C-alpha atoms as a PDB file:
ATOM      1  CA  MET A   1       8.976  11.379  15.690  1.00  0.00           C
ATOM      2  CA  THR A   2      10.123  11.469  12.269  1.00  0.00           C
ATOM      3  CA  THR A   3      13.391  11.988  10.538  1.00  0.00           C
ATOM      4  CA  PRO A   4      14.248  15.681  10.177  1.00  0.00           C
ATOM      5  CA  GLY A   5      13.887  16.746   6.540  1.00  0.00           C
ATOM      6  CA  ALA A   6      11.902  13.595   5.631  1.00  0.00           C
ATOM      7  CA  THR A   7       9.432  14.093   2.846  1.00  0.00           C
ATOM      8  CA  THR A   8       5.566  13.638   3.338  1.00  0.00           C
ATOM      9  CA  ARG A   9       5.923  10.154   1.594  1.00  0.00           C
ATOM     10  CA  GLU A  10       8.761   9.260   3.988  1.00  0.00           C
ATOM     11  CA  ARG A  11       6.985  10.090   7.113  1.00  0.00           C
ATOM     12  CA  ILE A  12       4.015   8.147   6.073  1.00  0.00           C
ATOM     13  CA  VAL A  13       6.417   4.988   5.895  1.00  0.00           C
ATOM     14  CA  GLU A  14       8.327   6.048   8.987  1.00  0.00           C
ATOM     15  CA  ILE A  15       5.122   6.213  11.265  1.00  0.00           C
ATOM     16  CA  ALA A  16       3.779   3.143  10.026  1.00  0.00           C
ATOM     17  CA  MET A  17       6.730   1.189  10.848  1.00  0.00           C
ATOM     18  CA  GLN A  18       6.759   2.954  14.455  1.00  0.00           C
ATOM     19  CA  GLU A  19       3.284   1.753  15.041  1.00  0.00           C
ATOM     20  CA  TRP A  20       4.374  -1.572  13.894  1.00  0.00           C
ATOM     21  CA  TRP A  21       7.078  -1.553  16.476  1.00  0.00           C
ATOM     22  CA  ARG A  22       4.989  -0.453  19.067  1.00  0.00           C
ATOM     23  CA  TRP A  23       2.290  -3.203  18.429  1.00  0.00           C
ATOM     24  CA  GLY A  24       5.425  -5.906  19.006  1.00  0.00           C
ATOM     25  CA  SER A  25       6.388  -6.256  15.327  1.00  0.00           C
ATOM     26  CA  GLN A  26       3.692  -9.005  14.227  1.00  0.00           C
ATOM     27  CA  THR A  27       4.408 -10.392  10.436  1.00  0.00           C
ATOM     28  CA  VAL A  28       1.933 -12.139   8.178  1.00  0.00           C
ATOM     29  CA  ARG A  29       2.758 -14.142   5.118  1.00  0.00           C
ATOM     30  CA  LEU A  30       0.601 -13.823   2.395  1.00  0.00           C
ATOM     31  CA  GLY A  31       2.093 -16.562   0.153  1.00  0.00           C
ATOM     32  CA  ARG A  32       1.160 -18.270  -3.232  1.00  0.00           C
ATOM     33  CA  ASP A  33      -0.278 -21.067  -1.386  1.00  0.00           C
ATOM     34  CA  ASP A  34      -3.435 -18.870  -0.752  1.00  0.00           C
ATOM     35  CA  THR A  35      -2.734 -18.413   2.857  1.00  0.00           C
ATOM     36  CA  ALA A  36      -2.253 -15.471   5.496  1.00  0.00           C
ATOM     37  CA  CYS A  37      -0.396 -17.148   7.911  1.00  0.00           C
ATOM     38  CA  VAL A  38       1.406 -15.327  10.964  1.00  0.00           C
ATOM     39  CA  THR A  39       4.865 -16.119  10.733  1.00  0.00           C
ATOM     40  CA  PHE A  40       6.149 -14.063  13.935  1.00  0.00           C
ATOM     41  CA  SER A  41       3.957 -12.665  16.929  1.00  0.00           C
ATOM     42  CA  PRO A  42       5.030 -11.329  20.358  1.00  0.00           C
ATOM     43  CA  LEU A  43       2.067 -13.632  21.621  1.00  0.00           C
ATOM     44  CA  PRO A  44       2.216 -17.326  21.722  1.00  0.00           C
ATOM     45  CA  ALA A  45       0.199 -18.946  19.101  1.00  0.00           C
ATOM     46  CA  PRO A  46      -3.956 -19.183  19.931  1.00  0.00           C
ATOM     47  CA  GLN A  47      -5.482 -22.197  20.943  1.00  0.00           C
ATOM     48  CA  PRO A  48      -8.587 -23.719  18.873  1.00  0.00           C
ATOM     49  CA  MET A  49     -11.356 -21.861  19.944  1.00  0.00           C
ATOM     50  CA  ALA A  50     -15.224 -21.515  18.956  1.00  0.00           C
ATOM     51  CA  VAL A  51     -16.160 -19.096  16.728  1.00  0.00           C
ATOM     52  CA  PRO A  52     -17.203 -15.882  18.960  1.00  0.00           C
ATOM     53  CA  PRO A  53     -20.937 -14.733  19.204  1.00  0.00           C
ATOM     54  CA  ALA A  54     -22.097 -11.943  16.786  1.00  0.00           C
ATOM     55  CA  ALA A  55     -21.191  -8.203  17.691  1.00  0.00           C
ATOM     56  CA  ASP A  56     -24.100  -6.376  19.405  1.00  0.00           C
ATOM     57  CA  ALA A  57     -26.222  -4.745  16.999  1.00  0.00           C
ATOM     58  CA  SER A  58     -26.652  -1.810  18.880  1.00  0.00           C
ATOM     59  CA  SER A  59     -22.847  -0.952  18.663  1.00  0.00           C
ATOM     60  CA  PRO A  60     -22.605   2.710  17.270  1.00  0.00           C
ATOM     61  CA  ALA A  61     -20.346   1.815  14.615  1.00  0.00           C
ATOM     62  CA  GLN A  62     -22.205  -0.883  13.296  1.00  0.00           C
ATOM     63  CA  GLY A  63     -23.399  -0.841   9.189  1.00  0.00           C
ATOM     64  CA  THR A  64     -20.089   0.530   8.067  1.00  0.00           C
ATOM     65  CA  ALA A  65     -18.511  -1.239   5.173  1.00  0.00           C
ATOM     66  CA  ASP A  66     -15.617  -2.872   6.796  1.00  0.00           C
ATOM     67  CA  ARG A  67     -17.389  -4.672   9.661  1.00  0.00           C
ATOM     68  CA  GLU A  68     -17.456  -8.151   8.197  1.00  0.00           C
ATOM     69  CA  ALA A  69     -15.160 -11.106   9.056  1.00  0.00           C
ATOM     70  CA  ASP A  70     -13.877 -13.041   6.118  1.00  0.00           C
ATOM     71  CA  PRO A  71     -14.892 -16.610   6.521  1.00  0.00           C
ATOM     72  CA  ASP A  72     -11.757 -18.270   4.650  1.00  0.00           C
ATOM     73  CA  GLY A  73     -10.592 -21.517   6.264  1.00  0.00           C
ATOM     74  CA  VAL A  74      -7.124 -21.631   7.740  1.00  0.00           C
ATOM     75  CA  GLU A  75      -4.769 -24.380   6.544  1.00  0.00           C
ATOM     76  CA  ALA A  76      -3.169 -26.809   9.341  1.00  0.00           C
ATOM     77  CA  GLY A  77      -0.027 -25.561  10.876  1.00  0.00           C
ATOM     78  CA  CYS A  78      -1.000 -21.919   9.569  1.00  0.00           C
ATOM     79  CA  VAL A  79      -0.976 -19.731  12.744  1.00  0.00           C
ATOM     80  CA  SER A  80      -4.038 -17.089  12.757  1.00  0.00           C
ATOM     81  CA  PHE A  81      -5.549 -15.287  15.525  1.00  0.00           C
ATOM     82  CA  PRO A  82      -9.467 -15.297  15.853  1.00  0.00           C
ATOM     83  CA  ASP A  83     -11.401 -12.331  16.801  1.00  0.00           C
ATOM     84  CA  GLY A  84     -11.061 -11.504  20.464  1.00  0.00           C
ATOM     85  CA  THR A  85      -7.595 -12.513  21.031  1.00  0.00           C
ATOM     86  CA  GLY A  86      -4.080 -11.048  19.798  1.00  0.00           C
ATOM     87  CA  MET A  87      -2.587  -7.832  20.509  1.00  0.00           C
ATOM     88  CA  GLU A  88      -5.783  -5.956  20.259  1.00  0.00           C
ATOM     89  CA  ALA A  89      -7.056  -8.055  23.385  1.00  0.00           C
ATOM     90  CA  THR A  90      -4.242  -6.738  25.496  1.00  0.00           C
ATOM     91  CA  LEU A  91      -4.397  -3.362  27.507  1.00  0.00           C
ATOM     92  CA  PRO A  92      -1.606  -1.678  25.212  1.00  0.00           C
ATOM     93  CA  GLY A  93      -3.389  -2.733  22.255  1.00  0.00           C
ATOM     94  CA  CYS A  94      -6.767  -1.379  23.325  1.00  0.00           C
ATOM     95  CA  ARG A  95      -5.169   1.925  24.307  1.00  0.00           C
ATOM     96  CA  MET A  96      -3.320   1.877  20.900  1.00  0.00           C
ATOM     97  CA  ALA A  97      -6.607   1.124  18.817  1.00  0.00           C
ATOM     98  CA  ARG A  98      -8.517   3.624  21.053  1.00  0.00           C
ATOM     99  CA  ARG A  99      -6.156   6.334  19.743  1.00  0.00           C
ATOM    100  CA  TYR A 100      -6.676   5.591  16.086  1.00  0.00           C
ATOM    101  CA  TRP A 101     -10.622   5.617  16.674  1.00  0.00           C
ATOM    102  CA  GLY A 102     -10.205   9.166  18.123  1.00  0.00           C
ATOM    103  CA  ILE A 103      -9.021  10.589  14.762  1.00  0.00           C
ATOM    104  CA  VAL A 104     -12.855  10.176  13.382  1.00  0.00           C
ATOM    105  CA  GLY A 105     -14.216  11.174  17.246  1.00  0.00           C
ATOM    106  CA  GLU A 106     -15.044   7.757  18.332  1.00  0.00           C
ATOM    107  CA  ALA A 107     -14.131   6.020  21.769  1.00  0.00           C
ATOM    108  CA  PRO A 108     -14.875   2.547  21.823  1.00  0.00           C
ATOM    109  CA  ASP A 109     -14.242   0.696  25.224  1.00  0.00           C
ATOM    110  CA  CYS A 110     -11.669  -2.235  25.469  1.00  0.00           C
ATOM    111  CA  THR A 111     -14.566  -4.753  24.783  1.00  0.00           C
ATOM    112  CA  GLN A 112     -15.818  -3.068  21.701  1.00  0.00           C
ATOM    113  CA  VAL A 113     -12.219  -2.978  20.214  1.00  0.00           C
ATOM    114  CA  THR A 114     -12.180  -6.494  19.742  1.00  0.00           C
ATOM    115  CA  GLN A 115     -15.412  -7.001  18.115  1.00  0.00           C
ATOM    116  CA  SER A 116     -15.579  -6.922  14.317  1.00  0.00           C
ATOM    117  CA  SER A 117     -18.317  -4.398  14.345  1.00  0.00           C
ATOM    118  CA  TRP A 118     -15.453  -1.932  15.471  1.00  0.00           C
ATOM    119  CA  ALA A 119     -12.853  -2.961  13.018  1.00  0.00           C
ATOM    120  CA  TRP A 120      -9.996  -0.613  13.203  1.00  0.00           C
ATOM    121  CA  SER A 121      -8.122  -0.901  10.039  1.00  0.00           C
ATOM    122  CA  ALA A 122      -9.513   2.343   8.418  1.00  0.00           C
ATOM    123  CA  VAL A 123      -8.925   4.625  11.291  1.00  0.00           C
ATOM    124  CA  PHE A 124      -5.398   3.195  11.501  1.00  0.00           C
ATOM    125  CA  ILE A 125      -4.690   4.418   8.053  1.00  0.00           C
ATOM    126  CA  SER A 126      -6.464   7.768   8.615  1.00  0.00           C
ATOM    127  CA  TRP A 127      -4.455   8.105  11.925  1.00  0.00           C
ATOM    128  CA  VAL A 128      -0.942   7.397   9.977  1.00  0.00           C
ATOM    129  CA  LEU A 129      -1.964   9.833   7.324  1.00  0.00           C
ATOM    130  CA  ARG A 130      -2.899  12.658   9.575  1.00  0.00           C
ATOM    131  CA  LYS A 131       0.326  12.165  12.020  1.00  0.00           C
ATOM    132  CA  ALA A 132       2.324  12.490   8.389  1.00  0.00           C
ATOM    133  CA  GLY A 133       0.822  15.797   8.088  1.00  0.00           C
ATOM    134  CA  LEU A 134      -1.912  15.238   5.612  1.00  0.00           C
ATOM    135  CA  ASP A 135      -4.461  17.827   6.128  1.00  0.00           C
ATOM    136  CA  GLU A 136      -8.212  17.732   5.058  1.00  0.00           C
ATOM    137  CA  ARG A 137      -7.475  19.154   1.528  1.00  0.00           C
ATOM    138  CA  GLN A 138      -5.557  16.186   0.677  1.00  0.00           C
ATOM    139  CA  PHE A 139      -6.933  13.259   2.571  1.00  0.00           C
ATOM    140  CA  LEU A 140     -10.182  12.768   4.411  1.00  0.00           C
ATOM    141  CA  THR A 141     -10.265  10.573   7.285  1.00  0.00           C
ATOM    142  CA  GLY A 142     -12.920   7.522   7.623  1.00  0.00           C
ATOM    143  CA  GLN A 143     -13.746   4.435   9.549  1.00  0.00           C
ATOM    144  CA  SER A 144     -14.373   2.688   6.060  1.00  0.00           C
ATOM    145  CA  HIS A 145     -11.344   2.247   3.515  1.00  0.00           C
ATOM    146  CA  SER A 146     -14.114   2.883   0.855  1.00  0.00           C
ATOM    147  CA  MET A 147     -14.520   6.479   1.695  1.00  0.00           C
ATOM    148  CA  TYR A 148     -11.254   7.735   0.993  1.00  0.00           C
ATOM    149  CA  VAL A 149     -10.821   5.192  -1.857  1.00  0.00           C
ATOM    150  CA  VAL A 150     -13.929   7.039  -3.543  1.00  0.00           C
ATOM    151  CA  ASP A 151     -12.700  10.263  -2.604  1.00  0.00           C
ATOM    152  CA  ALA A 152      -9.597   9.510  -4.796  1.00  0.00           C
ATOM    153  CA  ARG A 153     -11.300   8.004  -7.325  1.00  0.00           C
ATOM    154  CA  ASP A 154     -14.129  10.850  -7.718  1.00  0.00           C
ATOM    155  CA  GLY A 155     -11.226  13.547  -7.379  1.00  0.00           C
ATOM    156  CA  ILE A 156     -13.525  15.422  -4.745  1.00  0.00           C
ATOM    157  CA  LEU A 157     -10.384  16.992  -2.835  1.00  0.00           C
ATOM    158  CA  PRO A 158      -8.743  20.203  -3.814  1.00  0.00           C
ATOM    159  CA  ARG A 159      -5.384  19.114  -3.372  1.00  0.00           C
ATOM    160  CA  PRO A 160      -5.682  15.068  -3.704  1.00  0.00           C
ATOM    161  CA  ALA A 161      -2.586  13.017  -2.175  1.00  0.00           C
ATOM    162  CA  PHE A 162      -3.590  10.029  -3.823  1.00  0.00           C
ATOM    163  CA  HIS A 163      -5.036   8.910  -7.283  1.00  0.00           C
ATOM    164  CA  LEU A 164      -6.317   4.948  -7.918  1.00  0.00           C
ATOM    165  CA  GLU A 165      -4.506   2.591 -10.359  1.00  0.00           C
ATOM    166  CA  PRO A 166      -6.048  -0.747 -10.949  1.00  0.00           C
ATOM    167  CA  VAL A 167      -3.698  -3.686 -10.837  1.00  0.00           C
ATOM    168  CA  PRO A 168      -1.751  -5.828 -11.897  1.00  0.00           C
ATOM    169  CA  ALA A 169       0.825  -3.145 -10.884  1.00  0.00           C
ATOM    170  CA  LEU A 170       3.863  -2.591  -8.916  1.00  0.00           C
ATOM    171  CA  PRO A 171       3.458  -0.059  -5.975  1.00  0.00           C
ATOM    172  CA  ARG A 172       6.033   2.156  -4.199  1.00  0.00           C
ATOM    173  CA  ALA A 173       6.684   2.657  -0.850  1.00  0.00           C
ATOM    174  CA  GLY A 174       4.162   5.263   0.717  1.00  0.00           C
ATOM    175  CA  ASP A 175       1.744   3.881  -1.873  1.00  0.00           C
ATOM    176  CA  ILE A 176      -1.784   2.447  -0.396  1.00  0.00           C
ATOM    177  CA  ILE A 177      -2.924  -1.051  -1.561  1.00  0.00           C
ATOM    178  CA  CYS A 178      -6.556  -2.103  -1.099  1.00  0.00           C
ATOM    179  CA  ALA A 179      -8.666  -5.048  -1.588  1.00  0.00           C
ATOM    180  CA  PRO A 180     -12.426  -5.671  -1.387  1.00  0.00           C
ATOM    181  CA  ARG A 181     -13.839  -8.018   1.356  1.00  0.00           C
ATOM    182  CA  GLY A 182     -17.024 -10.015   2.381  1.00  0.00           C
ATOM    183  CA  ARG A 183     -19.871  -9.977   0.140  1.00  0.00           C
ATOM    184  CA  ASP A 184     -17.730  -7.840  -2.598  1.00  0.00           C
ATOM    185  CA  LYS A 185     -14.636 -10.009  -2.204  1.00  0.00           C
ATOM    186  CA  TYR A 186     -14.542 -10.364  -6.114  1.00  0.00           C
ATOM    187  CA  ILE A 187     -15.786  -7.247  -7.465  1.00  0.00           C
ATOM    188  CA  GLU A 188     -13.485  -6.381 -10.638  1.00  0.00           C
ATOM    189  CA  ASP A 189     -14.159  -2.652 -11.258  1.00  0.00           C
ATOM    190  CA  ILE A 190     -12.984   0.215  -9.322  1.00  0.00           C
ATOM    191  CA  ALA A 191     -16.174   1.874 -10.501  1.00  0.00           C
ATOM    192  CA  GLU A 192     -18.444  -0.529  -8.277  1.00  0.00           C
ATOM    193  CA  ILE A 193     -16.975   0.929  -5.039  1.00  0.00           C
ATOM    194  CA  GLY A 194     -19.554   2.607  -3.038  1.00  0.00           C
ATOM    195  CA  PHE A 195     -18.740   5.352  -0.659  1.00  0.00           C
ATOM    196  CA  GLY A 196     -18.787   4.024   2.741  1.00  0.00           C
ATOM    197  CA  THR A 197     -20.572   0.902   1.592  1.00  0.00           C
ATOM    198  CA  THR A 198     -17.942  -1.504   0.102  1.00  0.00           C
ATOM    199  CA  PRO A 199     -16.070  -3.820   2.571  1.00  0.00           C
ATOM    200  CA  MET A 200     -12.539  -3.279   1.801  1.00  0.00           C
ATOM    201  CA  HIS A 201      -9.198  -3.524   3.407  1.00  0.00           C
ATOM    202  CA  CYS A 202      -5.911  -1.253   2.900  1.00  0.00           C
ATOM    203  CA  ASP A 203      -2.553  -1.296   4.025  1.00  0.00           C
ATOM    204  CA  ILE A 204       0.303   0.972   3.752  1.00  0.00           C
ATOM    205  CA  VAL A 205       3.371  -0.043   1.363  1.00  0.00           C
ATOM    206  CA  VAL A 206       6.802   0.157   3.421  1.00  0.00           C
ATOM    207  CA  SER A 207       9.069  -1.812   0.906  1.00  0.00           C
ATOM    208  CA  VAL A 208       9.096  -3.147  -2.517  1.00  0.00           C
ATOM    209  CA  ASP A 209      11.838  -5.459  -3.862  1.00  0.00           C
ATOM    210  CA  PRO A 210      11.136  -6.537  -7.277  1.00  0.00           C
ATOM    211  CA  ALA A 211      13.952  -8.867  -7.434  1.00  0.00           C
ATOM    212  CA  ALA A 212      12.568 -11.230  -4.773  1.00  0.00           C
ATOM    213  CA  ARG A 213       8.753 -10.459  -5.843  1.00  0.00           C
ATOM    214  CA  LEU A 214       7.995  -9.170  -2.610  1.00  0.00           C
ATOM    215  CA  VAL A 215       6.035  -6.114  -1.161  1.00  0.00           C
ATOM    216  CA  LYS A 216       5.888  -5.362   2.540  1.00  0.00           C
ATOM    217  CA  ALA A 217       2.935  -3.564   3.737  1.00  0.00           C
ATOM    218  CA  ILE A 218       1.483  -2.518   7.083  1.00  0.00           C
ATOM    219  CA  GLY A 219      -2.020  -2.358   8.375  1.00  0.00           C
ATOM    220  CA  GLY A 220      -3.907  -2.348  11.134  1.00  0.00           C
ATOM    221  CA  ASN A 221      -6.420  -4.794  12.462  1.00  0.00           C
ATOM    222  CA  VAL A 222      -4.560  -7.797  10.609  1.00  0.00           C
ATOM    223  CA  GLN A 223      -4.533 -10.759  12.425  1.00  0.00           C
ATOM    224  CA  GLN A 224      -5.830  -8.532  15.461  1.00  0.00           C
ATOM    225  CA  SER A 225      -2.832  -6.489  15.481  1.00  0.00           C
ATOM    226  CA  VAL A 226      -1.043  -3.981  13.615  1.00  0.00           C
ATOM    227  CA  SER A 227       1.198  -6.120  11.393  1.00  0.00           C
ATOM    228  CA  MET A 228       3.369  -6.196   8.636  1.00  0.00           C
ATOM    229  CA  GLU A 229       2.421  -8.291   5.800  1.00  0.00           C
ATOM    230  CA  GLU A 230       5.094 -10.113   3.380  1.00  0.00           C
ATOM    231  CA  ILE A 231       3.189 -10.063   0.034  1.00  0.00           C
ATOM    232  CA  GLU A 232       4.423 -12.252  -2.692  1.00  0.00           C
ATOM    233  CA  LEU A 233       4.053 -10.944  -6.359  1.00  0.00           C
ATOM    234  CA  GLY A 234       2.585 -12.705  -9.174  1.00  0.00           C
ATOM    235  CA  ASP A 235       4.262 -14.409 -12.027  1.00  0.00           C
ATOM    236  CA  SER A 236       4.392 -10.867 -14.002  1.00  0.00           C
ATOM    237  CA  GLY A 237       6.299  -9.447 -10.869  1.00  0.00           C
ATOM    238  CA  ARG A 238       3.461  -6.984 -10.103  1.00  0.00           C
ATOM    239  CA  LEU A 239       0.940  -6.983  -7.226  1.00  0.00           C
ATOM    240  CA  ASP A 240      -2.199  -8.816  -8.652  1.00  0.00           C
ATOM    241  CA  GLY A 241      -5.743  -9.900  -7.536  1.00  0.00           C
ATOM    242  CA  VAL A 242      -5.342 -13.773  -8.061  1.00  0.00           C
ATOM    243  CA  THR A 243      -1.953 -14.814  -6.818  1.00  0.00           C
ATOM    244  CA  ASN A 244      -3.430 -14.680  -3.176  1.00  0.00           C
ATOM    245  CA  SER A 245      -7.143 -15.301  -2.888  1.00  0.00           C
ATOM    246  CA  HIS A 246      -7.278 -14.454   0.766  1.00  0.00           C
ATOM    247  CA  MET A 247      -6.569 -10.584  -0.164  1.00  0.00           C
ATOM    248  CA  PRO A 248      -7.632  -9.986  -3.963  1.00  0.00           C
ATOM    249  CA  TRP A 249      -5.914  -6.922  -4.518  1.00  0.00           C
ATOM    250  CA  LEU A 250      -7.825  -4.373  -6.737  1.00  0.00           C
ATOM    251  CA  LEU A 251      -6.186  -1.053  -6.806  1.00  0.00           C
ATOM    252  CA  ILE A 252      -3.145   1.069  -5.694  1.00  0.00           C
ATOM    253  CA  MET A 253      -3.946   4.333  -4.384  1.00  0.00           C
ATOM    254  CA  ARG A 254      -0.795   6.048  -5.723  1.00  0.00           C
ATOM    255  CA  ASN A 255       0.941   8.617  -3.754  1.00  0.00           C
ATOM    256  CA  ASP A 256       1.457  11.906  -5.476  1.00  0.00           C
ATOM    257  CA  LEU A 257       3.468  13.458  -3.020  1.00  0.00           C
ATOM    258  CA  GLN A 258       7.551  13.476  -2.534  1.00  0.00           C
END
């Protein structure tokens, strides 16, 4: 439930915040030291563990662009939840992640939800925007971030809710910020993004503090949960692709709604 009279932009932020609370309010700091560290979680810090086996190649979701793990190392003392752990590995987390998958007509089981081949960050974004009231004329759901990024780039919708702006730039609450991943992590041109083929990650911006040079954004499947990311801005006071190499931001999906 959102605040009566809230604008669509405000509903997007409120629903993202509500989901973050439901998942236990996990927080991740993306600092200027190139780390992505969990600074708060409802779960205890994980014990070191071996790299999990590759996902089953027969998975129905196999082959979509966002199904790539990022192999970056983790600094000593930087808490990180590996695949197969964290809130998504709990029964409540599984149920909530399966709810997001339903927005694109999929129903993975609790084992699949924890596999990288069923990464659920894009369906989280899709679910939030549909719950906020955006229809198919404004935003098309997808199980890959690059699907709706390309929709916005190419202007294929009759009443698009978003347009793209390259970084460096300063986002607003209700915008969506996106970065390439995996094999395409360091692409520099928005034109290079392929529909459903470019690995990406996107988050919903919920607050911006220019004075503190800090953006807060909420995303799904971040450290195996719905997490709030505290993102330190660059020297220019804007979001850029170089301040934190873990997440080389490429673009802002500007929210054109009130």
